[in-house]
Amino acid sequence: STENYQRLNNPDSEYEVGFIQSGTTNPSETDHLQTIAAVSYE
């Protein structure tokens, strides 16, 4: 999850979508990321 967040948070990366585990990041408005959906319990 942490690496997925870092990849998506990079505006120049080729990654467009990823899975992130709730409670593992400290997102901010400048991340320019959005939730498509919560999909499952882990």
ModelCIF file with pLDDT and N, C-alpha, C, O atoms, coordinates in Angstrom:
data_MODEL
#
_entry.id   MODEL 
#
_entity.id                         1 
_entity.type                       polymer 
_entity.pdbx_number_of_molecules   1 
#
_entity_poly.entity_id                      1 
_entity_poly.type                           'polypeptide(L)' 
_entity_poly.nstd_linkage                   no 
_entity_poly.nstd_monomer                   no 
_entity_poly.pdbx_seq_one_letter_code       STENYQRLNNPDSEYEVGFIQSGTTNPSETDHLQTIAAVSYE 
_entity_poly.pdbx_seq_one_letter_code_can   STENYQRLNNPDSEYEVGFIQSGTTNPSETDHLQTIAAVSYE 
_entity_poly.pdbx_strand_id                 A 
#
loop_
_entity_poly_seq.entity_id 
_entity_poly_seq.num 
_entity_poly_seq.mon_id 
_entity_poly_seq.hetero 
1 1  SER n 
1 2  THR n 
1 3  GLU n 
1 4  ASN n 
1 5  TYR n 
1 6  GLN n 
1 7  ARG n 
1 8  LEU n 
1 9  ASN n 
1 10 ASN n 
1 11 PRO n 
1 12 ASP n 
1 13 SER n 
1 14 GLU n 
1 15 TYR n 
1 16 GLU n 
1 17 VAL n 
1 18 GLY n 
1 19 PHE n 
1 20 ILE n 
1 21 GLN n 
1 22 SER n 
1 23 GLY n 
1 24 THR n 
1 25 THR n 
1 26 ASN n 
1 27 PRO n 
1 28 SER n 
1 29 GLU n 
1 30 THR n 
1 31 ASP n 
1 32 HIS n 
1 33 LEU n 
1 34 GLN n 
1 35 THR n 
1 36 ILE n 
1 37 ALA n 
1 38 ALA n 
1 39 VAL n 
1 40 SER n 
1 41 TYR n 
1 42 GLU n 
#
_struct_asym.id          A 
_struct_asym.entity_id   1 
#
loop_
_ma_qa_metric.id 
_ma_qa_metric.mode 
_ma_qa_metric.name 
_ma_qa_metric.software_group_id 
_ma_qa_metric.type 
1 global pLDDT . pLDDT 
2 local  pLDDT . pLDDT 
#
_ma_qa_metric_global.metric_id      1 
_ma_qa_metric_global.metric_value   91.55 
_ma_qa_metric_global.model_id       1 
_ma_qa_metric_global.ordinal_id     1 
#
loop_
_ma_qa_metric_local.label_asym_id 
_ma_qa_metric_local.label_comp_id 
_ma_qa_metric_local.label_seq_id 
_ma_qa_metric_local.metric_id 
_ma_qa_metric_local.metric_value 
_ma_qa_metric_local.model_id 
_ma_qa_metric_local.ordinal_id 
A SER 1  2 92.00 1 1  
A THR 2  2 91.00 1 2  
A GLU 3  2 93.00 1 3  
A ASN 4  2 95.00 1 4  
A TYR 5  2 94.00 1 5  
A GLN 6  2 93.00 1 6  
A ARG 7  2 95.00 1 7  
A LEU 8  2 95.00 1 8  
A ASN 9  2 93.00 1 9  
A ASN 10 2 93.00 1 10 
A PRO 11 2 90.00 1 11 
A ASP 12 2 92.00 1 12 
A SER 13 2 94.00 1 13 
A GLU 14 2 94.00 1 14 
A TYR 15 2 96.00 1 15 
A GLU 16 2 95.00 1 16 
A VAL 17 2 97.00 1 17 
A GLY 18 2 96.00 1 18 
A PHE 19 2 96.00 1 19 
A ILE 20 2 95.00 1 20 
A GLN 21 2 94.00 1 21 
A SER 22 2 93.00 1 22 
A GLY 23 2 88.00 1 23 
A THR 24 2 88.00 1 24 
A THR 25 2 86.00 1 25 
A ASN 26 2 83.00 1 26 
A PRO 27 2 81.00 1 27 
A SER 28 2 79.00 1 28 
A GLU 29 2 72.00 1 29 
A THR 30 2 75.00 1 30 
A ASP 31 2 86.00 1 31 
A HIS 32 2 91.00 1 32 
A LEU 33 2 95.00 1 33 
A GLN 34 2 95.00 1 34 
A THR 35 2 96.00 1 35 
A ILE 36 2 96.00 1 36 
A ALA 37 2 96.00 1 37 
A ALA 38 2 96.00 1 38 
A VAL 39 2 95.00 1 39 
A SER 40 2 94.00 1 40 
A TYR 41 2 94.00 1 41 
A GLU 42 2 93.00 1 42 
#
loop_
_atom_site.group_PDB 
_atom_site.id 
_atom_site.type_symbol 
_atom_site.label_atom_id 
_atom_site.label_alt_id 
_atom_site.label_comp_id 
_atom_site.label_asym_id 
_atom_site.label_entity_id 
_atom_site.label_seq_id 
_atom_site.pdbx_PDB_ins_code 
_atom_site.Cartn_x 
_atom_site.Cartn_y 
_atom_site.Cartn_z 
_atom_site.occupancy 
_atom_site.B_iso_or_equiv 
_atom_site.pdbx_formal_charge 
_atom_site.auth_seq_id 
_atom_site.auth_comp_id 
_atom_site.auth_asym_id 
_atom_site.auth_atom_id 
_atom_site.pdbx_PDB_model_num 
ATOM 1   N N  . SER A 1 1  ? 0.802   -1.219 0.000   1.00 92.00 ? 1  SER A N  1 
ATOM 2   C CA . SER A 1 1  ? 0.000   0.000  0.000   1.00 92.00 ? 1  SER A CA 1 
ATOM 3   C C  . SER A 1 1  ? 0.839   1.276  0.000   1.00 92.00 ? 1  SER A C  1 
ATOM 4   O O  . SER A 1 1  ? 0.556   2.209  -0.752  1.00 92.00 ? 1  SER A O  1 
ATOM 5   N N  . THR A 1 2  ? 1.864   1.317  0.837   1.00 91.00 ? 2  THR A N  1 
ATOM 6   C CA . THR A 1 2  ? 2.676   2.535  0.945   1.00 91.00 ? 2  THR A CA 1 
ATOM 7   C C  . THR A 1 2  ? 3.371   2.855  -0.368  1.00 91.00 ? 2  THR A C  1 
ATOM 8   O O  . THR A 1 2  ? 3.390   4.008  -0.800  1.00 91.00 ? 2  THR A O  1 
ATOM 9   N N  . GLU A 1 3  ? 3.940   1.842  -1.003  1.00 93.00 ? 3  GLU A N  1 
ATOM 10  C CA . GLU A 1 3  ? 4.598   2.071  -2.298  1.00 93.00 ? 3  GLU A CA 1 
ATOM 11  C C  . GLU A 1 3  ? 3.567   2.455  -3.358  1.00 93.00 ? 3  GLU A C  1 
ATOM 12  O O  . GLU A 1 3  ? 3.849   3.293  -4.214  1.00 93.00 ? 3  GLU A O  1 
ATOM 13  N N  . ASN A 1 4  ? 2.384   1.858  -3.314  1.00 95.00 ? 4  ASN A N  1 
ATOM 14  C CA . ASN A 1 4  ? 1.334   2.227  -4.268  1.00 95.00 ? 4  ASN A CA 1 
ATOM 15  C C  . ASN A 1 4  ? 0.985   3.703  -4.139  1.00 95.00 ? 4  ASN A C  1 
ATOM 16  O O  . ASN A 1 4  ? 0.814   4.400  -5.139  1.00 95.00 ? 4  ASN A O  1 
ATOM 17  N N  . TYR A 1 5  ? 0.883   4.169  -2.907  1.00 94.00 ? 5  TYR A N  1 
ATOM 18  C CA . TYR A 1 5  ? 0.583   5.590  -2.676  1.00 94.00 ? 5  TYR A CA 1 
ATOM 19  C C  . TYR A 1 5  ? 1.687   6.477  -3.239  1.00 94.00 ? 5  TYR A C  1 
ATOM 20  O O  . TYR A 1 5  ? 1.406   7.499  -3.865  1.00 94.00 ? 5  TYR A O  1 
ATOM 21  N N  . GLN A 1 6  ? 2.930   6.093  -3.020  1.00 93.00 ? 6  GLN A N  1 
ATOM 22  C CA . GLN A 1 6  ? 4.050   6.881  -3.519  1.00 93.00 ? 6  GLN A CA 1 
ATOM 23  C C  . GLN A 1 6  ? 4.055   6.923  -5.046  1.00 93.00 ? 6  GLN A C  1 
ATOM 24  O O  . GLN A 1 6  ? 4.363   7.955  -5.642  1.00 93.00 ? 6  GLN A O  1 
ATOM 25  N N  . ARG A 1 7  ? 3.719   5.817  -5.664  1.00 95.00 ? 7  ARG A N  1 
ATOM 26  C CA . ARG A 1 7  ? 3.674   5.777  -7.123  1.00 95.00 ? 7  ARG A CA 1 
ATOM 27  C C  . ARG A 1 7  ? 2.574   6.681  -7.673  1.00 95.00 ? 7  ARG A C  1 
ATOM 28  O O  . ARG A 1 7  ? 2.800   7.443  -8.613  1.00 95.00 ? 7  ARG A O  1 
ATOM 29  N N  . LEU A 1 8  ? 1.397   6.593  -7.090  1.00 95.00 ? 8  LEU A N  1 
ATOM 30  C CA . LEU A 1 8  ? 0.277   7.396  -7.574  1.00 95.00 ? 8  LEU A CA 1 
ATOM 31  C C  . LEU A 1 8  ? 0.467   8.868  -7.247  1.00 95.00 ? 8  LEU A C  1 
ATOM 32  O O  . LEU A 1 8  ? 0.007   9.735  -7.991  1.00 95.00 ? 8  LEU A O  1 
ATOM 33  N N  . ASN A 1 9  ? 1.126   9.150  -6.163  1.00 93.00 ? 9  ASN A N  1 
ATOM 34  C CA . ASN A 1 9  ? 1.331   10.527 -5.735  1.00 93.00 ? 9  ASN A CA 1 
ATOM 35  C C  . ASN A 1 9  ? 2.323   11.276 -6.620  1.00 93.00 ? 9  ASN A C  1 
ATOM 36  O O  . ASN A 1 9  ? 2.394   12.504 -6.584  1.00 93.00 ? 9  ASN A O  1 
ATOM 37  N N  . ASN A 1 10 ? 3.083   10.535 -7.410  1.00 93.00 ? 10 ASN A N  1 
ATOM 38  C CA . ASN A 1 10 ? 4.037   11.147 -8.331  1.00 93.00 ? 10 ASN A CA 1 
ATOM 39  C C  . ASN A 1 10 ? 3.302   11.517 -9.620  1.00 93.00 ? 10 ASN A C  1 
ATOM 40  O O  . ASN A 1 10 ? 2.895   10.625 -10.364 1.00 93.00 ? 10 ASN A O  1 
ATOM 41  N N  . PRO A 1 11 ? 3.122   12.807 -9.902  1.00 90.00 ? 11 PRO A N  1 
ATOM 42  C CA . PRO A 1 11 ? 2.346   13.202 -11.089 1.00 90.00 ? 11 PRO A CA 1 
ATOM 43  C C  . PRO A 1 11 ? 2.999   12.788 -12.399 1.00 90.00 ? 11 PRO A C  1 
ATOM 44  O O  . PRO A 1 11 ? 2.328   12.722 -13.429 1.00 90.00 ? 11 PRO A O  1 
ATOM 45  N N  . ASP A 1 12 ? 4.293   12.511 -12.373 1.00 92.00 ? 12 ASP A N  1 
ATOM 46  C CA . ASP A 1 12 ? 5.000   12.146 -13.608 1.00 92.00 ? 12 ASP A CA 1 
ATOM 47  C C  . ASP A 1 12 ? 5.068   10.633 -13.816 1.00 92.00 ? 12 ASP A C  1 
ATOM 48  O O  . ASP A 1 12 ? 5.601   10.176 -14.827 1.00 92.00 ? 12 ASP A O  1 
ATOM 49  N N  . SER A 1 13 ? 4.541   9.858  -12.881 1.00 94.00 ? 13 SER A N  1 
ATOM 50  C CA . SER A 1 13 ? 4.610   8.406  -13.012 1.00 94.00 ? 13 SER A CA 1 
ATOM 51  C C  . SER A 1 13 ? 3.565   7.910  -14.003 1.00 94.00 ? 13 SER A C  1 
ATOM 52  O O  . SER A 1 13 ? 2.588   8.602  -14.290 1.00 94.00 ? 13 SER A O  1 
ATOM 53  N N  . GLU A 1 14 ? 3.779   6.718  -14.516 1.00 94.00 ? 14 GLU A N  1 
ATOM 54  C CA . GLU A 1 14 ? 2.849   6.128  -15.474 1.00 94.00 ? 14 GLU A CA 1 
ATOM 55  C C  . GLU A 1 14 ? 1.677   5.443  -14.787 1.00 94.00 ? 14 GLU A C  1 
ATOM 56  O O  . GLU A 1 14 ? 0.724   5.025  -15.444 1.00 94.00 ? 14 GLU A O  1 
ATOM 57  N N  . TYR A 1 15 ? 1.748   5.331  -13.472 1.00 96.00 ? 15 TYR A N  1 
ATOM 58  C CA . TYR A 1 15 ? 0.693   4.640  -12.734 1.00 96.00 ? 15 TYR A CA 1 
ATOM 59  C C  . TYR A 1 15 ? -0.542  5.535  -12.620 1.00 96.00 ? 15 TYR A C  1 
ATOM 60  O O  . TYR A 1 15 ? -0.442  6.708  -12.259 1.00 96.00 ? 15 TYR A O  1 
ATOM 61  N N  . GLU A 1 16 ? -1.705  4.963  -12.933 1.00 95.00 ? 16 GLU A N  1 
ATOM 62  C CA . GLU A 1 16 ? -2.949  5.728  -12.917 1.00 95.00 ? 16 GLU A CA 1 
ATOM 63  C C  . GLU A 1 16 ? -3.907  5.252  -11.846 1.00 95.00 ? 16 GLU A C  1 
ATOM 64  O O  . GLU A 1 16 ? -4.707  6.037  -11.336 1.00 95.00 ? 16 GLU A O  1 
ATOM 65  N N  . VAL A 1 17 ? -3.836  3.975  -11.496 1.00 97.00 ? 17 VAL A N  1 
ATOM 66  C CA . VAL A 1 17 ? -4.771  3.377  -10.547 1.00 97.00 ? 17 VAL A CA 1 
ATOM 67  C C  . VAL A 1 17 ? -3.988  2.453  -9.628  1.00 97.00 ? 17 VAL A C  1 
ATOM 68  O O  . VAL A 1 17 ? -2.966  1.894  -10.026 1.00 97.00 ? 17 VAL A O  1 
ATOM 69  N N  . GLY A 1 18 ? -4.464  2.292  -8.402  1.00 96.00 ? 18 GLY A N  1 
ATOM 70  C CA . GLY A 1 18 ? -3.803  1.365  -7.490  1.00 96.00 ? 18 GLY A CA 1 
ATOM 71  C C  . GLY A 1 18 ? -4.667  1.087  -6.274  1.00 96.00 ? 18 GLY A C  1 
ATOM 72  O O  . GLY A 1 18 ? -5.685  1.742  -6.049  1.00 96.00 ? 18 GLY A O  1 
ATOM 73  N N  . PHE A 1 19 ? -4.240  0.104  -5.493  1.00 96.00 ? 19 PHE A N  1 
ATOM 74  C CA . PHE A 1 19 ? -4.934  -0.242 -4.253  1.00 96.00 ? 19 PHE A CA 1 
ATOM 75  C C  . PHE A 1 19 ? -4.162  0.331  -3.073  1.00 96.00 ? 19 PHE A C  1 
ATOM 76  O O  . PHE A 1 19 ? -2.944  0.179  -2.977  1.00 96.00 ? 19 PHE A O  1 
ATOM 77  N N  . ILE A 1 20 ? -4.881  0.986  -2.187  1.00 95.00 ? 20 ILE A N  1 
ATOM 78  C CA . ILE A 1 20 ? -4.275  1.568  -0.988  1.00 95.00 ? 20 ILE A CA 1 
ATOM 79  C C  . ILE A 1 20 ? -5.070  1.109  0.219   1.00 95.00 ? 20 ILE A C  1 
ATOM 80  O O  . ILE A 1 20 ? -6.301  1.138  0.225   1.00 95.00 ? 20 ILE A O  1 
ATOM 81  N N  . GLN A 1 21 ? -4.356  0.694  1.221   1.00 94.00 ? 21 GLN A N  1 
ATOM 82  C CA . GLN A 1 21 ? -4.984  0.205  2.454   1.00 94.00 ? 21 GLN A CA 1 
ATOM 83  C C  . GLN A 1 21 ? -5.339  1.380  3.351   1.00 94.00 ? 21 GLN A C  1 
ATOM 84  O O  . GLN A 1 21 ? -4.509  2.256  3.592   1.00 94.00 ? 21 GLN A O  1 
ATOM 85  N N  . SER A 1 22 ? -6.569  1.399  3.844   1.00 93.00 ? 22 SER A N  1 
ATOM 86  C CA . SER A 1 22 ? -6.999  2.497  4.711   1.00 93.00 ? 22 SER A CA 1 
ATOM 87  C C  . SER A 1 22 ? -6.107  2.591  5.946   1.00 93.00 ? 22 SER A C  1 
ATOM 88  O O  . SER A 1 22 ? -5.692  1.581  6.516   1.00 93.00 ? 22 SER A O  1 
ATOM 89  N N  . GLY A 1 23 ? -5.826  3.822  6.338   1.00 88.00 ? 23 GLY A N  1 
ATOM 90  C CA . GLY A 1 23 ? -5.049  4.051  7.550   1.00 88.00 ? 23 GLY A CA 1 
ATOM 91  C C  . GLY A 1 23 ? -3.553  3.977  7.380   1.00 88.00 ? 23 GLY A C  1 
ATOM 92  O O  . GLY A 1 23 ? -2.823  4.066  8.367   1.00 88.00 ? 23 GLY A O  1 
ATOM 93  N N  . THR A 1 24 ? -3.066  3.816  6.150   1.00 88.00 ? 24 THR A N  1 
ATOM 94  C CA . THR A 1 24 ? -1.621  3.667  5.945   1.00 88.00 ? 24 THR A CA 1 
ATOM 95  C C  . THR A 1 24 ? -0.972  4.892  5.328   1.00 88.00 ? 24 THR A C  1 
ATOM 96  O O  . THR A 1 24 ? 0.243   4.908  5.132   1.00 88.00 ? 24 THR A O  1 
ATOM 97  N N  . THR A 1 25 ? -1.753  5.921  5.016   1.00 86.00 ? 25 THR A N  1 
ATOM 98  C CA . THR A 1 25 ? -1.195  7.116  4.384   1.00 86.00 ? 25 THR A CA 1 
ATOM 99  C C  . THR A 1 25 ? -1.735  8.354  5.078   1.00 86.00 ? 25 THR A C  1 
ATOM 100 O O  . THR A 1 25 ? -2.687  8.286  5.855   1.00 86.00 ? 25 THR A O  1 
ATOM 101 N N  . ASN A 1 26 ? -1.112  9.480  4.786   1.00 83.00 ? 26 ASN A N  1 
ATOM 102 C CA . ASN A 1 26 ? -1.598  10.775 5.260   1.00 83.00 ? 26 ASN A CA 1 
ATOM 103 C C  . ASN A 1 26 ? -1.835  11.656 4.039   1.00 83.00 ? 26 ASN A C  1 
ATOM 104 O O  . ASN A 1 26 ? -1.039  12.548 3.747   1.00 83.00 ? 26 ASN A O  1 
ATOM 105 N N  . PRO A 1 27 ? -2.936  11.405 3.324   1.00 81.00 ? 27 PRO A N  1 
ATOM 106 C CA . PRO A 1 27 ? -3.168  12.126 2.070   1.00 81.00 ? 27 PRO A CA 1 
ATOM 107 C C  . PRO A 1 27 ? -3.431  13.606 2.299   1.00 81.00 ? 27 PRO A C  1 
ATOM 108 O O  . PRO A 1 27 ? -3.889  14.019 3.365   1.00 81.00 ? 27 PRO A O  1 
ATOM 109 N N  . SER A 1 28 ? -3.128  14.396 1.265   1.00 79.00 ? 28 SER A N  1 
ATOM 110 C CA . SER A 1 28 ? -3.393  15.835 1.302   1.00 79.00 ? 28 SER A CA 1 
ATOM 111 C C  . SER A 1 28 ? -4.072  16.224 0.001   1.00 79.00 ? 28 SER A C  1 
ATOM 112 O O  . SER A 1 28 ? -4.123  15.445 -0.951  1.00 79.00 ? 28 SER A O  1 
ATOM 113 N N  . GLU A 1 29 ? -4.595  17.455 -0.022  1.00 72.00 ? 29 GLU A N  1 
ATOM 114 C CA . GLU A 1 29 ? -5.312  17.918 -1.213  1.00 72.00 ? 29 GLU A CA 1 
ATOM 115 C C  . GLU A 1 29 ? -4.393  18.035 -2.420  1.00 72.00 ? 29 GLU A C  1 
ATOM 116 O O  . GLU A 1 29 ? -4.852  17.962 -3.560  1.00 72.00 ? 29 GLU A O  1 
ATOM 117 N N  . THR A 1 30 ? -3.107  18.215 -2.178  1.00 75.00 ? 30 THR A N  1 
ATOM 118 C CA . THR A 1 30 ? -2.167  18.379 -3.287  1.00 75.00 ? 30 THR A CA 1 
ATOM 119 C C  . THR A 1 30 ? -1.781  17.056 -3.935  1.00 75.00 ? 30 THR A C  1 
ATOM 120 O O  . THR A 1 30 ? -1.044  17.036 -4.921  1.00 75.00 ? 30 THR A O  1 
ATOM 121 N N  . ASP A 1 31 ? -2.279  15.947 -3.383  1.00 86.00 ? 31 ASP A N  1 
ATOM 122 C CA . ASP A 1 31 ? -1.956  14.644 -3.978  1.00 86.00 ? 31 ASP A CA 1 
ATOM 123 C C  . ASP A 1 31 ? -2.624  14.453 -5.327  1.00 86.00 ? 31 ASP A C  1 
ATOM 124 O O  . ASP A 1 31 ? -2.115  13.724 -6.179  1.00 86.00 ? 31 ASP A O  1 
ATOM 125 N N  . HIS A 1 32 ? -3.776  15.115 -5.526  1.00 91.00 ? 32 HIS A N  1 
ATOM 126 C CA . HIS A 1 32 ? -4.560  14.951 -6.752  1.00 91.00 ? 32 HIS A CA 1 
ATOM 127 C C  . HIS A 1 32 ? -4.937  13.487 -6.970  1.00 91.00 ? 32 HIS A C  1 
ATOM 128 O O  . HIS A 1 32 ? -4.882  12.967 -8.085  1.00 91.00 ? 32 HIS A O  1 
ATOM 129 N N  . LEU A 1 33 ? -5.320  12.844 -5.876  1.00 95.00 ? 33 LEU A N  1 
ATOM 130 C CA . LEU A 1 33 ? -5.795  11.466 -5.946  1.00 95.00 ? 33 LEU A CA 1 
ATOM 131 C C  . LEU A 1 33 ? -7.268  11.432 -5.549  1.00 95.00 ? 33 LEU A C  1 
ATOM 132 O O  . LEU A 1 33 ? -7.753  12.324 -4.854  1.00 95.00 ? 33 LEU A O  1 
ATOM 133 N N  . GLN A 1 34 ? -7.967  10.401 -5.994  1.00 95.00 ? 34 GLN A N  1 
ATOM 134 C CA . GLN A 1 34 ? -9.388  10.269 -5.697  1.00 95.00 ? 34 GLN A CA 1 
ATOM 135 C C  . GLN A 1 34 ? -9.739  8.805  -5.490  1.00 95.00 ? 34 GLN A C  1 
ATOM 136 O O  . GLN A 1 34 ? -9.122  7.915  -6.076  1.00 95.00 ? 34 GLN A O  1 
ATOM 137 N N  . THR A 1 35 ? -10.727 8.569  -4.661  1.00 96.00 ? 35 THR A N  1 
ATOM 138 C CA . THR A 1 35 ? -11.197 7.212  -4.414  1.00 96.00 ? 35 THR A CA 1 
ATOM 139 C C  . THR A 1 35 ? -12.220 6.824  -5.468  1.00 96.00 ? 35 THR A C  1 
ATOM 140 O O  . THR A 1 35 ? -13.213 7.520  -5.673  1.00 96.00 ? 35 THR A O  1 
ATOM 141 N N  . ILE A 1 36 ? -11.967 5.711  -6.129  1.00 96.00 ? 36 ILE A N  1 
ATOM 142 C CA . ILE A 1 36 ? -12.965 5.146  -7.031  1.00 96.00 ? 36 ILE A CA 1 
ATOM 143 C C  . ILE A 1 36 ? -14.003 4.385  -6.210  1.00 96.00 ? 36 ILE A C  1 
ATOM 144 O O  . ILE A 1 36 ? -15.206 4.535  -6.424  1.00 96.00 ? 36 ILE A O  1 
ATOM 145 N N  . ALA A 1 37 ? -13.526 3.564  -5.265  1.00 96.00 ? 37 ALA A N  1 
ATOM 146 C CA . ALA A 1 37 ? -14.440 2.835  -4.392  1.00 96.00 ? 37 ALA A CA 1 
ATOM 147 C C  . ALA A 1 37 ? -13.654 2.116  -3.298  1.00 96.00 ? 37 ALA A C  1 
ATOM 148 O O  . ALA A 1 37 ? -12.484 1.778  -3.472  1.00 96.00 ? 37 ALA A O  1 
ATOM 149 N N  . ALA A 1 38 ? -14.318 1.893  -2.176  1.00 96.00 ? 38 ALA A N  1 
ATOM 150 C CA . ALA A 1 38 ? -13.811 0.942  -1.187  1.00 96.00 ? 38 ALA A CA 1 
ATOM 151 C C  . ALA A 1 38 ? -14.289 -0.429 -1.635  1.00 96.00 ? 38 ALA A C  1 
ATOM 152 O O  . ALA A 1 38 ? -15.480 -0.620 -1.880  1.00 96.00 ? 38 ALA A O  1 
ATOM 153 N N  . VAL A 1 39 ? -13.362 -1.398 -1.747  1.00 95.00 ? 39 VAL A N  1 
ATOM 154 C CA . VAL A 1 39 ? -13.721 -2.636 -2.439  1.00 95.00 ? 39 VAL A CA 1 
ATOM 155 C C  . VAL A 1 39 ? -13.748 -3.879 -1.553  1.00 95.00 ? 39 VAL A C  1 
ATOM 156 O O  . VAL A 1 39 ? -14.387 -4.867 -1.916  1.00 95.00 ? 39 VAL A O  1 
ATOM 157 N N  . SER A 1 40 ? -13.084 -3.859 -0.417  1.00 94.00 ? 40 SER A N  1 
ATOM 158 C CA . SER A 1 40 ? -13.052 -5.087 0.380   1.00 94.00 ? 40 SER A CA 1 
ATOM 159 C C  . SER A 1 40 ? -12.439 -4.834 1.744   1.00 94.00 ? 40 SER A C  1 
ATOM 160 O O  . SER A 1 40 ? -11.648 -3.909 1.928   1.00 94.00 ? 40 SER A O  1 
ATOM 161 N N  . TYR A 1 41 ? -12.821 -5.677 2.701   1.00 94.00 ? 41 TYR A N  1 
ATOM 162 C CA . TYR A 1 41 ? -12.107 -5.688 3.972   1.00 94.00 ? 41 TYR A CA 1 
ATOM 163 C C  . TYR A 1 41 ? -10.784 -6.435 3.795   1.00 94.00 ? 41 TYR A C  1 
ATOM 164 O O  . TYR A 1 41 ? -10.677 -7.373 3.005   1.00 94.00 ? 41 TYR A O  1 
ATOM 165 N N  . GLU A 1 42 ? -9.783  -5.990 4.554   1.00 93.00 ? 42 GLU A N  1 
ATOM 166 C CA . GLU A 1 42 ? -8.501  -6.686 4.604   1.00 93.00 ? 42 GLU A CA 1 
ATOM 167 C C  . GLU A 1 42 ? -8.269  -7.134 6.048   1.00 93.00 ? 42 GLU A C  1 
ATOM 168 O O  . GLU A 1 42 ? -7.245  -7.749 6.347   1.00 93.00 ? 42 GLU A O  1 
#
